[in-house]
């Protein structure tokens, strides 16, 4: 049953006052968000090398070139591969860690939560350099461990099959602490009486998690899924530092591809078109997310 919505009528003076208070923030958004967005769309319809004072209008030719390029689909596939697996693995491990630490009130548990969260606030490029050392086959931790075993370390970042998963492992390591804390917050809102009743009925720990914890944490999982997915779609720094999109473009992602197109190939028009495509992809996903969120809200009313 829906609750009746109370509508309040505002007089003209209140609306003007509210508008004047919001005007500075609206101005910032217009100048630094919407004007650059519209200018980027304009540039995407031109051929420009970043240095020429004139921009040649080419219409939709940049978009046609992009959608007929095999490189674009490879980069898009890499982006979705990275986004899917980093999101799924991060959510799964973060949930398990939250469950493991949820019933521990000791100082040691608080220390572990802090340690797990620190990578999330660490500079991505610095962590990427650390990861490169760990997986260096000659002088890194990986190489030393393989040498102790008498084996030869794989060339992790020079092998397409390995390089993707090394980057995903770094992404998971950085985000898992944040996800764990969000899940821990959701777990704290679940009444202990529900679990007590389930234990009295003979439910095992696994059954309690499957039939109580997971359903009640569905809104939290949904929120983390959306935010983690959108963030992963925009990955740039760790890929740029660790592999530069190699080997053989096997780790190249769309944000890095935009950067390479603009500042390595000096094709600003094509880079702007790629930016528009990425914007539209995220916009469509956000609209779907809002529709699903609104539907879930109606189901709870």
C-alpha atoms as a PDB file:
ATOM      1  CA  UNK A   1       0.000   0.000   0.000  1.00  0.00           C
ATOM      2  CA  UNK A   2       1.422   3.350  -1.019  1.00  0.00           C
ATOM      3  CA  UNK A   3       1.621   6.206   1.392  1.00  0.00           C
ATOM      4  CA  UNK A   4      -0.225   9.396   0.383  1.00  0.00           C
ATOM      5  CA  UNK A   5       2.136  12.141  -0.723  1.00  0.00           C
ATOM      6  CA  UNK A   6       1.614  15.549   0.816  1.00  0.00           C
ATOM      7  CA  UNK A   7       2.171  18.407  -1.626  1.00  0.00           C
ATOM      8  CA  UNK A   8       3.233  21.786  -0.283  1.00  0.00           C
ATOM      9  CA  UNK A   9       2.664  24.945  -2.268  1.00  0.00           C
ATOM     10  CA  UNK A  10       5.573  27.356  -2.300  1.00  0.00           C
ATOM     11  CA  UNK A  11       5.046  31.067  -2.833  1.00  0.00           C
ATOM     12  CA  UNK A  12       7.012  33.053  -5.381  1.00  0.00           C
ATOM     13  CA  UNK A  13       9.335  34.648  -2.815  1.00  0.00           C
ATOM     14  CA  UNK A  14      10.433  31.255  -1.460  1.00  0.00           C
ATOM     15  CA  UNK A  15      11.172  29.955  -4.953  1.00  0.00           C
ATOM     16  CA  UNK A  16      13.263  33.019  -5.804  1.00  0.00           C
ATOM     17  CA  UNK A  17      15.207  32.697  -2.538  1.00  0.00           C
ATOM     18  CA  UNK A  18      15.875  29.013  -3.143  1.00  0.00           C
ATOM     19  CA  UNK A  19      16.987  29.734  -6.707  1.00  0.00           C
ATOM     20  CA  UNK A  20      19.443  32.425  -5.554  1.00  0.00           C
ATOM     21  CA  UNK A  21      20.995  30.029  -3.038  1.00  0.00           C
ATOM     22  CA  UNK A  22      21.348  27.319  -5.687  1.00  0.00           C
ATOM     23  CA  UNK A  23      22.582  29.645  -8.431  1.00  0.00           C
ATOM     24  CA  UNK A  24      26.327  29.506  -7.501  1.00  0.00           C
ATOM     25  CA  UNK A  25      26.337  25.706  -7.535  1.00  0.00           C
ATOM     26  CA  UNK A  26      24.350  25.604 -10.774  1.00  0.00           C
ATOM     27  CA  UNK A  27      26.839  28.018 -12.315  1.00  0.00           C
ATOM     28  CA  UNK A  28      29.755  25.772 -11.356  1.00  0.00           C
ATOM     29  CA  UNK A  29      28.032  22.753 -12.869  1.00  0.00           C
ATOM     30  CA  UNK A  30      27.206  24.622 -16.075  1.00  0.00           C
ATOM     31  CA  UNK A  31      30.700  26.095 -16.543  1.00  0.00           C
ATOM     32  CA  UNK A  32      32.759  23.048 -15.548  1.00  0.00           C
ATOM     33  CA  UNK A  33      30.436  20.169 -16.474  1.00  0.00           C
ATOM     34  CA  UNK A  34      27.885  20.902 -19.154  1.00  0.00           C
ATOM     35  CA  UNK A  35      29.784  23.432 -21.265  1.00  0.00           C
ATOM     36  CA  UNK A  36      32.821  21.072 -21.619  1.00  0.00           C
ATOM     37  CA  UNK A  37      30.442  18.198 -22.362  1.00  0.00           C
ATOM     38  CA  UNK A  38      28.756  20.114 -25.184  1.00  0.00           C
ATOM     39  CA  UNK A  39      32.125  21.306 -26.496  1.00  0.00           C
ATOM     40  CA  UNK A  40      33.381  17.713 -26.481  1.00  0.00           C
ATOM     41  CA  UNK A  41      30.389  16.681 -28.592  1.00  0.00           C
ATOM     42  CA  UNK A  42      31.215  19.514 -31.000  1.00  0.00           C
ATOM     43  CA  UNK A  43      34.863  18.409 -31.239  1.00  0.00           C
ATOM     44  CA  UNK A  44      33.766  14.810 -31.871  1.00  0.00           C
ATOM     45  CA  UNK A  45      32.259  16.003 -35.168  1.00  0.00           C
ATOM     46  CA  UNK A  46      35.554  17.486 -36.367  1.00  0.00           C
ATOM     47  CA  UNK A  47      39.029  16.410 -37.431  1.00  0.00           C
ATOM     48  CA  UNK A  48      41.574  18.115 -35.160  1.00  0.00           C
ATOM     49  CA  UNK A  49      45.166  17.334 -34.166  1.00  0.00           C
ATOM     50  CA  UNK A  50      45.237  19.478 -30.972  1.00  0.00           C
ATOM     51  CA  UNK A  51      47.640  21.998 -32.534  1.00  0.00           C
ATOM     52  CA  UNK A  52      45.839  23.342 -35.594  1.00  0.00           C
ATOM     53  CA  UNK A  53      43.877  26.575 -34.940  1.00  0.00           C
ATOM     54  CA  UNK A  54      41.053  25.288 -37.125  1.00  0.00           C
ATOM     55  CA  UNK A  55      38.892  22.213 -36.782  1.00  0.00           C
ATOM     56  CA  UNK A  56      37.607  20.586 -39.962  1.00  0.00           C
ATOM     57  CA  UNK A  57      33.982  19.496 -39.719  1.00  0.00           C
ATOM     58  CA  UNK A  58      33.584  15.820 -40.694  1.00  0.00           C
ATOM     59  CA  UNK A  59      30.141  15.048 -39.274  1.00  0.00           C
ATOM     60  CA  UNK A  60      29.708  11.485 -38.049  1.00  0.00           C
ATOM     61  CA  UNK A  61      32.836  10.187 -39.782  1.00  0.00           C
ATOM     62  CA  UNK A  62      34.724   9.767 -36.476  1.00  0.00           C
ATOM     63  CA  UNK A  63      31.910   7.589 -35.126  1.00  0.00           C
ATOM     64  CA  UNK A  64      31.807   5.556 -38.340  1.00  0.00           C
ATOM     65  CA  UNK A  65      35.553   4.961 -38.152  1.00  0.00           C
ATOM     66  CA  UNK A  66      35.270   3.874 -34.516  1.00  0.00           C
ATOM     67  CA  UNK A  67      32.431   1.413 -35.054  1.00  0.00           C
ATOM     68  CA  UNK A  68      34.174  -0.122 -38.062  1.00  0.00           C
ATOM     69  CA  UNK A  69      37.473  -0.541 -36.210  1.00  0.00           C
ATOM     70  CA  UNK A  70      38.419  -3.936 -34.780  1.00  0.00           C
ATOM     71  CA  UNK A  71      40.610  -2.178 -32.226  1.00  0.00           C
ATOM     72  CA  UNK A  72      37.580  -0.477 -30.669  1.00  0.00           C
ATOM     73  CA  UNK A  73      35.768  -3.762 -30.101  1.00  0.00           C
ATOM     74  CA  UNK A  74      38.895  -5.338 -28.625  1.00  0.00           C
ATOM     75  CA  UNK A  75      39.278  -2.419 -26.209  1.00  0.00           C
ATOM     76  CA  UNK A  76      35.578  -2.517 -25.346  1.00  0.00           C
ATOM     77  CA  UNK A  77      35.787  -6.259 -24.707  1.00  0.00           C
ATOM     78  CA  UNK A  78      38.816  -5.763 -22.448  1.00  0.00           C
ATOM     79  CA  UNK A  79      36.936  -3.075 -20.529  1.00  0.00           C
ATOM     80  CA  UNK A  80      33.889  -5.268 -19.938  1.00  0.00           C
ATOM     81  CA  UNK A  81      36.089  -8.251 -19.042  1.00  0.00           C
ATOM     82  CA  UNK A  82      37.947  -6.209 -16.440  1.00  0.00           C
ATOM     83  CA  UNK A  83      34.747  -4.599 -15.142  1.00  0.00           C
ATOM     84  CA  UNK A  84      32.802  -7.851 -14.802  1.00  0.00           C
ATOM     85  CA  UNK A  85      35.444  -9.914 -13.042  1.00  0.00           C
ATOM     86  CA  UNK A  86      36.807  -7.169 -10.786  1.00  0.00           C
ATOM     87  CA  UNK A  87      33.251  -6.324  -9.687  1.00  0.00           C
ATOM     88  CA  UNK A  88      32.137  -9.919  -9.057  1.00  0.00           C
ATOM     89  CA  UNK A  89      35.316 -10.979  -7.230  1.00  0.00           C
ATOM     90  CA  UNK A  90      35.453  -7.793  -5.129  1.00  0.00           C
ATOM     91  CA  UNK A  91      31.830  -8.152  -4.020  1.00  0.00           C
ATOM     92  CA  UNK A  92      32.224 -11.843  -3.213  1.00  0.00           C
ATOM     93  CA  UNK A  93      35.415 -11.500  -1.172  1.00  0.00           C
ATOM     94  CA  UNK A  94      34.241  -8.306   0.514  1.00  0.00           C
ATOM     95  CA  UNK A  95      31.047 -10.037   1.596  1.00  0.00           C
ATOM     96  CA  UNK A  96      32.927 -13.043   2.997  1.00  0.00           C
ATOM     97  CA  UNK A  97      35.331 -10.788   4.894  1.00  0.00           C
ATOM     98  CA  UNK A  98      32.444  -8.794   6.348  1.00  0.00           C
ATOM     99  CA  UNK A  99      30.793 -12.018   7.510  1.00  0.00           C
ATOM    100  CA  UNK A 100      34.040 -13.259   9.062  1.00  0.00           C
ATOM    101  CA  UNK A 101      34.611 -10.041  11.016  1.00  0.00           C
ATOM    102  CA  UNK A 102      30.999  -9.114  11.759  1.00  0.00           C
ATOM    103  CA  UNK A 103      30.727 -10.943  15.086  1.00  0.00           C
ATOM    104  CA  UNK A 104      34.204 -10.029  16.325  1.00  0.00           C
ATOM    105  CA  UNK A 105      34.239  -7.049  18.682  1.00  0.00           C
ATOM    106  CA  UNK A 106      37.910  -7.277  19.652  1.00  0.00           C
ATOM    107  CA  UNK A 107      40.520  -4.631  18.939  1.00  0.00           C
ATOM    108  CA  UNK A 108      42.203  -7.080  16.584  1.00  0.00           C
ATOM    109  CA  UNK A 109      39.135  -7.125  14.341  1.00  0.00           C
ATOM    110  CA  UNK A 110      39.112  -3.311  14.219  1.00  0.00           C
ATOM    111  CA  UNK A 111      42.792  -3.320  13.298  1.00  0.00           C
ATOM    112  CA  UNK A 112      42.107  -5.804  10.487  1.00  0.00           C
ATOM    113  CA  UNK A 113      39.265  -3.645   9.148  1.00  0.00           C
ATOM    114  CA  UNK A 114      41.594  -0.644   9.090  1.00  0.00           C
ATOM    115  CA  UNK A 115      44.378  -2.562   7.376  1.00  0.00           C
ATOM    116  CA  UNK A 116      42.008  -3.904   4.733  1.00  0.00           C
ATOM    117  CA  UNK A 117      40.666  -0.396   4.054  1.00  0.00           C
ATOM    118  CA  UNK A 118      44.053   1.346   3.677  1.00  0.00           C
ATOM    119  CA  UNK A 119      44.631   0.195   0.044  1.00  0.00           C
ATOM    120  CA  UNK A 120      41.420   1.958  -0.952  1.00  0.00           C
ATOM    121  CA  UNK A 121      42.837   5.366   0.023  1.00  0.00           C
ATOM    122  CA  UNK A 122      46.313   4.692  -1.364  1.00  0.00           C
ATOM    123  CA  UNK A 123      47.302   6.358  -4.634  1.00  0.00           C
ATOM    124  CA  UNK A 124      46.535   3.948  -7.468  1.00  0.00           C
ATOM    125  CA  UNK A 125      49.706   4.703  -9.425  1.00  0.00           C
ATOM    126  CA  UNK A 126      51.895   4.060  -6.358  1.00  0.00           C
ATOM    127  CA  UNK A 127      50.177   0.735  -5.702  1.00  0.00           C
ATOM    128  CA  UNK A 128      50.569  -0.168  -9.385  1.00  0.00           C
ATOM    129  CA  UNK A 129      54.339   0.316  -9.093  1.00  0.00           C
ATOM    130  CA  UNK A 130      54.335  -1.957  -6.024  1.00  0.00           C
ATOM    131  CA  UNK A 131      52.385  -4.588  -7.973  1.00  0.00           C
ATOM    132  CA  UNK A 132      54.881  -4.371 -10.823  1.00  0.00           C
ATOM    133  CA  UNK A 133      57.696  -5.124  -8.387  1.00  0.00           C
ATOM    134  CA  UNK A 134      55.803  -8.044  -6.832  1.00  0.00           C
ATOM    135  CA  UNK A 135      55.294  -9.675 -10.231  1.00  0.00           C
ATOM    136  CA  UNK A 136      58.696  -8.812 -11.663  1.00  0.00           C
ATOM    137  CA  UNK A 137      60.068 -12.186 -12.833  1.00  0.00           C
ATOM    138  CA  UNK A 138      63.705 -11.212 -12.241  1.00  0.00           C
ATOM    139  CA  UNK A 139      63.938  -9.034  -9.129  1.00  0.00           C
ATOM    140  CA  UNK A 140      60.435  -9.070  -7.649  1.00  0.00           C
ATOM    141  CA  UNK A 141      58.800 -11.161  -4.959  1.00  0.00           C
ATOM    142  CA  UNK A 142      57.339 -13.534  -7.557  1.00  0.00           C
ATOM    143  CA  UNK A 143      60.727 -14.158  -9.137  1.00  0.00           C
ATOM    144  CA  UNK A 144      62.352 -14.830  -5.764  1.00  0.00           C
ATOM    145  CA  UNK A 145      59.664 -17.317  -4.742  1.00  0.00           C
ATOM    146  CA  UNK A 146      59.948 -19.207  -8.030  1.00  0.00           C
ATOM    147  CA  UNK A 147      63.745 -19.249  -7.701  1.00  0.00           C
ATOM    148  CA  UNK A 148      63.457 -20.799  -4.238  1.00  0.00           C
ATOM    149  CA  UNK A 149      61.358 -23.572  -5.761  1.00  0.00           C
ATOM    150  CA  UNK A 150      63.800 -24.006  -8.628  1.00  0.00           C
ATOM    151  CA  UNK A 151      61.308 -22.858 -11.227  1.00  0.00           C
ATOM    152  CA  UNK A 152      61.334 -20.047 -13.736  1.00  0.00           C
ATOM    153  CA  UNK A 153      58.858 -17.262 -13.037  1.00  0.00           C
ATOM    154  CA  UNK A 154      56.354 -16.500 -15.814  1.00  0.00           C
ATOM    155  CA  UNK A 155      56.554 -13.121 -17.512  1.00  0.00           C
ATOM    156  CA  UNK A 156      53.338 -12.032 -15.847  1.00  0.00           C
ATOM    157  CA  UNK A 157      52.851  -8.605 -17.387  1.00  0.00           C
ATOM    158  CA  UNK A 158      54.216  -9.637 -20.779  1.00  0.00           C
ATOM    159  CA  UNK A 159      51.808 -12.551 -21.239  1.00  0.00           C
ATOM    160  CA  UNK A 160      48.256 -11.577 -22.347  1.00  0.00           C
ATOM    161  CA  UNK A 161      46.535 -14.324 -20.350  1.00  0.00           C
ATOM    162  CA  UNK A 162      48.303 -13.389 -17.115  1.00  0.00           C
ATOM    163  CA  UNK A 163      48.394  -9.600 -17.482  1.00  0.00           C
ATOM    164  CA  UNK A 164      44.606  -9.219 -17.389  1.00  0.00           C
ATOM    165  CA  UNK A 165      44.303 -11.108 -14.130  1.00  0.00           C
ATOM    166  CA  UNK A 166      47.232  -9.286 -12.511  1.00  0.00           C
ATOM    167  CA  UNK A 167      45.444  -5.978 -13.124  1.00  0.00           C
ATOM    168  CA  UNK A 168      42.166  -7.424 -11.838  1.00  0.00           C
ATOM    169  CA  UNK A 169      43.927  -8.693  -8.701  1.00  0.00           C
ATOM    170  CA  UNK A 170      45.194  -5.173  -7.983  1.00  0.00           C
ATOM    171  CA  UNK A 171      41.721  -3.712  -8.467  1.00  0.00           C
ATOM    172  CA  UNK A 172      40.222  -6.309  -6.110  1.00  0.00           C
ATOM    173  CA  UNK A 173      42.909  -5.680  -3.483  1.00  0.00           C
ATOM    174  CA  UNK A 174      42.232  -1.925  -3.555  1.00  0.00           C
ATOM    175  CA  UNK A 175      38.438  -2.102  -3.397  1.00  0.00           C
ATOM    176  CA  UNK A 176      37.825  -5.069  -1.129  1.00  0.00           C
ATOM    177  CA  UNK A 177      38.247  -3.096   2.115  1.00  0.00           C
ATOM    178  CA  UNK A 178      35.677  -0.489   1.122  1.00  0.00           C
ATOM    179  CA  UNK A 179      33.174  -3.161   0.102  1.00  0.00           C
ATOM    180  CA  UNK A 180      33.799  -5.016   3.368  1.00  0.00           C
ATOM    181  CA  UNK A 181      33.008  -1.894   5.419  1.00  0.00           C
ATOM    182  CA  UNK A 182      29.787  -1.206   3.511  1.00  0.00           C
ATOM    183  CA  UNK A 183      28.671  -4.794   3.995  1.00  0.00           C
ATOM    184  CA  UNK A 184      29.654  -4.635   7.690  1.00  0.00           C
ATOM    185  CA  UNK A 185      27.457  -1.561   8.071  1.00  0.00           C
ATOM    186  CA  UNK A 186      24.566  -3.441   6.482  1.00  0.00           C
ATOM    187  CA  UNK A 187      25.137  -6.460   8.734  1.00  0.00           C
ATOM    188  CA  UNK A 188      25.004  -4.278  11.843  1.00  0.00           C
ATOM    189  CA  UNK A 189      21.453  -3.262  10.942  1.00  0.00           C
ATOM    190  CA  UNK A 190      20.190  -6.865  10.937  1.00  0.00           C
ATOM    191  CA  UNK A 191      18.672  -7.772  14.281  1.00  0.00           C
ATOM    192  CA  UNK A 192      20.394 -10.576  16.190  1.00  0.00           C
ATOM    193  CA  UNK A 193      16.952 -11.866  17.186  1.00  0.00           C
ATOM    194  CA  UNK A 194      16.386 -13.066  13.613  1.00  0.00           C
ATOM    195  CA  UNK A 195      19.511 -15.224  13.737  1.00  0.00           C
ATOM    196  CA  UNK A 196      18.596 -16.452  17.221  1.00  0.00           C
ATOM    197  CA  UNK A 197      15.187 -17.580  15.977  1.00  0.00           C
ATOM    198  CA  UNK A 198      16.812 -19.347  13.045  1.00  0.00           C
ATOM    199  CA  UNK A 199      19.263 -21.154  15.340  1.00  0.00           C
ATOM    200  CA  UNK A 200      16.401 -22.304  17.547  1.00  0.00           C
ATOM    201  CA  UNK A 201      14.708 -23.729  14.448  1.00  0.00           C
ATOM    202  CA  UNK A 202      17.891 -25.668  13.707  1.00  0.00           C
ATOM    203  CA  UNK A 203      19.277 -23.557  10.839  1.00  0.00           C
ATOM    204  CA  UNK A 204      22.988 -24.025  10.210  1.00  0.00           C
ATOM    205  CA  UNK A 205      25.402 -21.147   9.679  1.00  0.00           C
ATOM    206  CA  UNK A 206      25.298 -21.639   5.924  1.00  0.00           C
ATOM    207  CA  UNK A 207      21.497 -21.648   5.936  1.00  0.00           C
ATOM    208  CA  UNK A 208      21.426 -18.458   8.013  1.00  0.00           C
ATOM    209  CA  UNK A 209      23.698 -16.706   5.542  1.00  0.00           C
ATOM    210  CA  UNK A 210      21.789 -17.979   2.500  1.00  0.00           C
ATOM    211  CA  UNK A 211      18.257 -17.368   3.780  1.00  0.00           C
ATOM    212  CA  UNK A 212      18.687 -14.364   6.094  1.00  0.00           C
ATOM    213  CA  UNK A 213      21.884 -12.434   5.468  1.00  0.00           C
ATOM    214  CA  UNK A 214      21.959 -12.419   1.678  1.00  0.00           C
ATOM    215  CA  UNK A 215      18.260 -11.468   1.177  1.00  0.00           C
ATOM    216  CA  UNK A 216      18.375  -8.716   3.805  1.00  0.00           C
ATOM    217  CA  UNK A 217      21.585  -7.307   2.329  1.00  0.00           C
ATOM    218  CA  UNK A 218      20.126  -7.172  -1.182  1.00  0.00           C
ATOM    219  CA  UNK A 219      19.825  -3.327  -1.196  1.00  0.00           C
ATOM    220  CA  UNK A 220      23.453  -3.036  -0.038  1.00  0.00           C
ATOM    221  CA  UNK A 221      24.605  -5.494  -2.686  1.00  0.00           C
ATOM    222  CA  UNK A 222      22.665  -3.602  -5.326  1.00  0.00           C
ATOM    223  CA  UNK A 223      24.263  -0.297  -4.317  1.00  0.00           C
ATOM    224  CA  UNK A 224      27.777  -1.777  -4.338  1.00  0.00           C
ATOM    225  CA  UNK A 225      27.166  -3.502  -7.663  1.00  0.00           C
ATOM    226  CA  UNK A 226      26.156  -0.258  -9.346  1.00  0.00           C
ATOM    227  CA  UNK A 227      28.907   1.935  -7.912  1.00  0.00           C
ATOM    228  CA  UNK A 228      31.672  -0.643  -8.372  1.00  0.00           C
ATOM    229  CA  UNK A 229      30.620  -1.347 -11.959  1.00  0.00           C
ATOM    230  CA  UNK A 230      30.586   2.328 -12.958  1.00  0.00           C
ATOM    231  CA  UNK A 231      33.935   2.946 -11.273  1.00  0.00           C
ATOM    232  CA  UNK A 232      35.521  -0.083 -12.956  1.00  0.00           C
ATOM    233  CA  UNK A 233      34.298   1.029 -16.376  1.00  0.00           C
ATOM    234  CA  UNK A 234      36.397   4.184 -15.969  1.00  0.00           C
ATOM    235  CA  UNK A 235      39.676   2.478 -15.004  1.00  0.00           C
ATOM    236  CA  UNK A 236      42.760   4.224 -16.340  1.00  0.00           C
ATOM    237  CA  UNK A 237      45.671   4.776 -13.969  1.00  0.00           C
ATOM    238  CA  UNK A 238      46.612   1.231 -12.961  1.00  0.00           C
ATOM    239  CA  UNK A 239      46.483  -0.009 -16.569  1.00  0.00           C
ATOM    240  CA  UNK A 240      48.492   2.970 -17.829  1.00  0.00           C
ATOM    241  CA  UNK A 241      51.218   2.419 -15.228  1.00  0.00           C
ATOM    242  CA  UNK A 242      51.435  -1.377 -15.263  1.00  0.00           C
ATOM    243  CA  UNK A 243      51.064  -2.359 -18.920  1.00  0.00           C
ATOM    244  CA  UNK A 244      50.262   0.713 -21.003  1.00  0.00           C
ATOM    245  CA  UNK A 245      47.540  -1.394 -22.625  1.00  0.00           C
ATOM    246  CA  UNK A 246      49.891  -4.206 -23.670  1.00  0.00           C
ATOM    247  CA  UNK A 247      50.879  -6.803 -24.405  1.00  0.00           C
ATOM    248  CA  UNK A 248      49.265  -6.723 -27.865  1.00  0.00           C
ATOM    249  CA  UNK A 249      46.485  -4.455 -26.528  1.00  0.00           C
ATOM    250  CA  UNK A 250      45.228  -7.319 -24.374  1.00  0.00           C
ATOM    251  CA  UNK A 251      44.788  -5.015 -21.356  1.00  0.00           C
ATOM    252  CA  UNK A 252      43.882  -1.811 -23.161  1.00  0.00           C
ATOM    253  CA  UNK A 253      40.702  -0.215 -21.781  1.00  0.00           C
ATOM    254  CA  UNK A 254      38.529   2.515 -23.186  1.00  0.00           C
ATOM    255  CA  UNK A 255      39.788   5.382 -21.005  1.00  0.00           C
ATOM    256  CA  UNK A 256      43.402   4.571 -21.855  1.00  0.00           C
ATOM    257  CA  UNK A 257      42.441   4.205 -25.513  1.00  0.00           C
ATOM    258  CA  UNK A 258      40.935   7.709 -25.420  1.00  0.00           C
ATOM    259  CA  UNK A 259      44.168   9.066 -23.958  1.00  0.00           C
ATOM    260  CA  UNK A 260      46.303   7.292 -26.559  1.00  0.00           C
ATOM    261  CA  UNK A 261      44.099   8.492 -29.406  1.00  0.00           C
ATOM    262  CA  UNK A 262      44.254  12.117 -28.264  1.00  0.00           C
ATOM    263  CA  UNK A 263      47.826  12.524 -26.996  1.00  0.00           C
ATOM    264  CA  UNK A 264      49.779   9.791 -28.802  1.00  0.00           C
ATOM    265  CA  UNK A 265      48.067   9.782 -32.190  1.00  0.00           C
ATOM    266  CA  UNK A 266      46.917  13.441 -31.987  1.00  0.00           C
ATOM    267  CA  UNK A 267      43.407  12.637 -33.157  1.00  0.00           C
ATOM    268  CA  UNK A 268      41.384  14.778 -30.804  1.00  0.00           C
ATOM    269  CA  UNK A 269      38.184  14.428 -32.822  1.00  0.00           C
ATOM    270  CA  UNK A 270      38.255  10.634 -32.593  1.00  0.00           C
ATOM    271  CA  UNK A 271      39.163  10.798 -28.887  1.00  0.00           C
ATOM    272  CA  UNK A 272      36.203  13.112 -28.264  1.00  0.00           C
ATOM    273  CA  UNK A 273      33.920  10.679 -30.109  1.00  0.00           C
ATOM    274  CA  UNK A 274      35.204   7.827 -27.929  1.00  0.00           C
ATOM    275  CA  UNK A 275      34.479   9.950 -24.847  1.00  0.00           C
ATOM    276  CA  UNK A 276      30.918  10.509 -26.044  1.00  0.00           C
ATOM    277  CA  UNK A 277      30.473   6.771 -26.580  1.00  0.00           C
ATOM    278  CA  UNK A 278      31.743   6.032 -23.061  1.00  0.00           C
ATOM    279  CA  UNK A 279      29.423   8.711 -21.683  1.00  0.00           C
ATOM    280  CA  UNK A 280      26.438   7.160 -23.470  1.00  0.00           C
ATOM    281  CA  UNK A 281      27.333   3.672 -22.218  1.00  0.00           C
ATOM    282  CA  UNK A 282      27.457   4.903 -18.612  1.00  0.00           C
ATOM    283  CA  UNK A 283      24.290   6.958 -19.132  1.00  0.00           C
ATOM    284  CA  UNK A 284      22.351   3.930 -20.390  1.00  0.00           C
ATOM    285  CA  UNK A 285      23.607   1.844 -17.491  1.00  0.00           C
ATOM    286  CA  UNK A 286      22.668   4.588 -15.004  1.00  0.00           C
ATOM    287  CA  UNK A 287      19.164   4.876 -16.469  1.00  0.00           C
ATOM    288  CA  UNK A 288      18.694   1.118 -16.158  1.00  0.00           C
ATOM    289  CA  UNK A 289      19.977   1.311 -12.589  1.00  0.00           C
ATOM    290  CA  UNK A 290      17.491   4.066 -11.724  1.00  0.00           C
ATOM    291  CA  UNK A 291      14.594   2.141 -13.259  1.00  0.00           C
ATOM    292  CA  UNK A 292      15.473  -0.982 -11.323  1.00  0.00           C
ATOM    293  CA  UNK A 293      15.980   1.060  -8.146  1.00  0.00           C
ATOM    294  CA  UNK A 294      12.591   2.736  -8.518  1.00  0.00           C
ATOM    295  CA  UNK A 295      10.924  -0.619  -9.117  1.00  0.00           C
ATOM    296  CA  UNK A 296      12.571  -2.058  -6.022  1.00  0.00           C
ATOM    297  CA  UNK A 297      11.394   0.958  -4.041  1.00  0.00           C
ATOM    298  CA  UNK A 298       7.809   0.352  -5.171  1.00  0.00           C
ATOM    299  CA  UNK A 299       8.087  -3.287  -4.132  1.00  0.00           C
ATOM    300  CA  UNK A 300       9.078  -2.247  -0.605  1.00  0.00           C
ATOM    301  CA  UNK A 301       6.217   0.273  -0.226  1.00  0.00           C
END
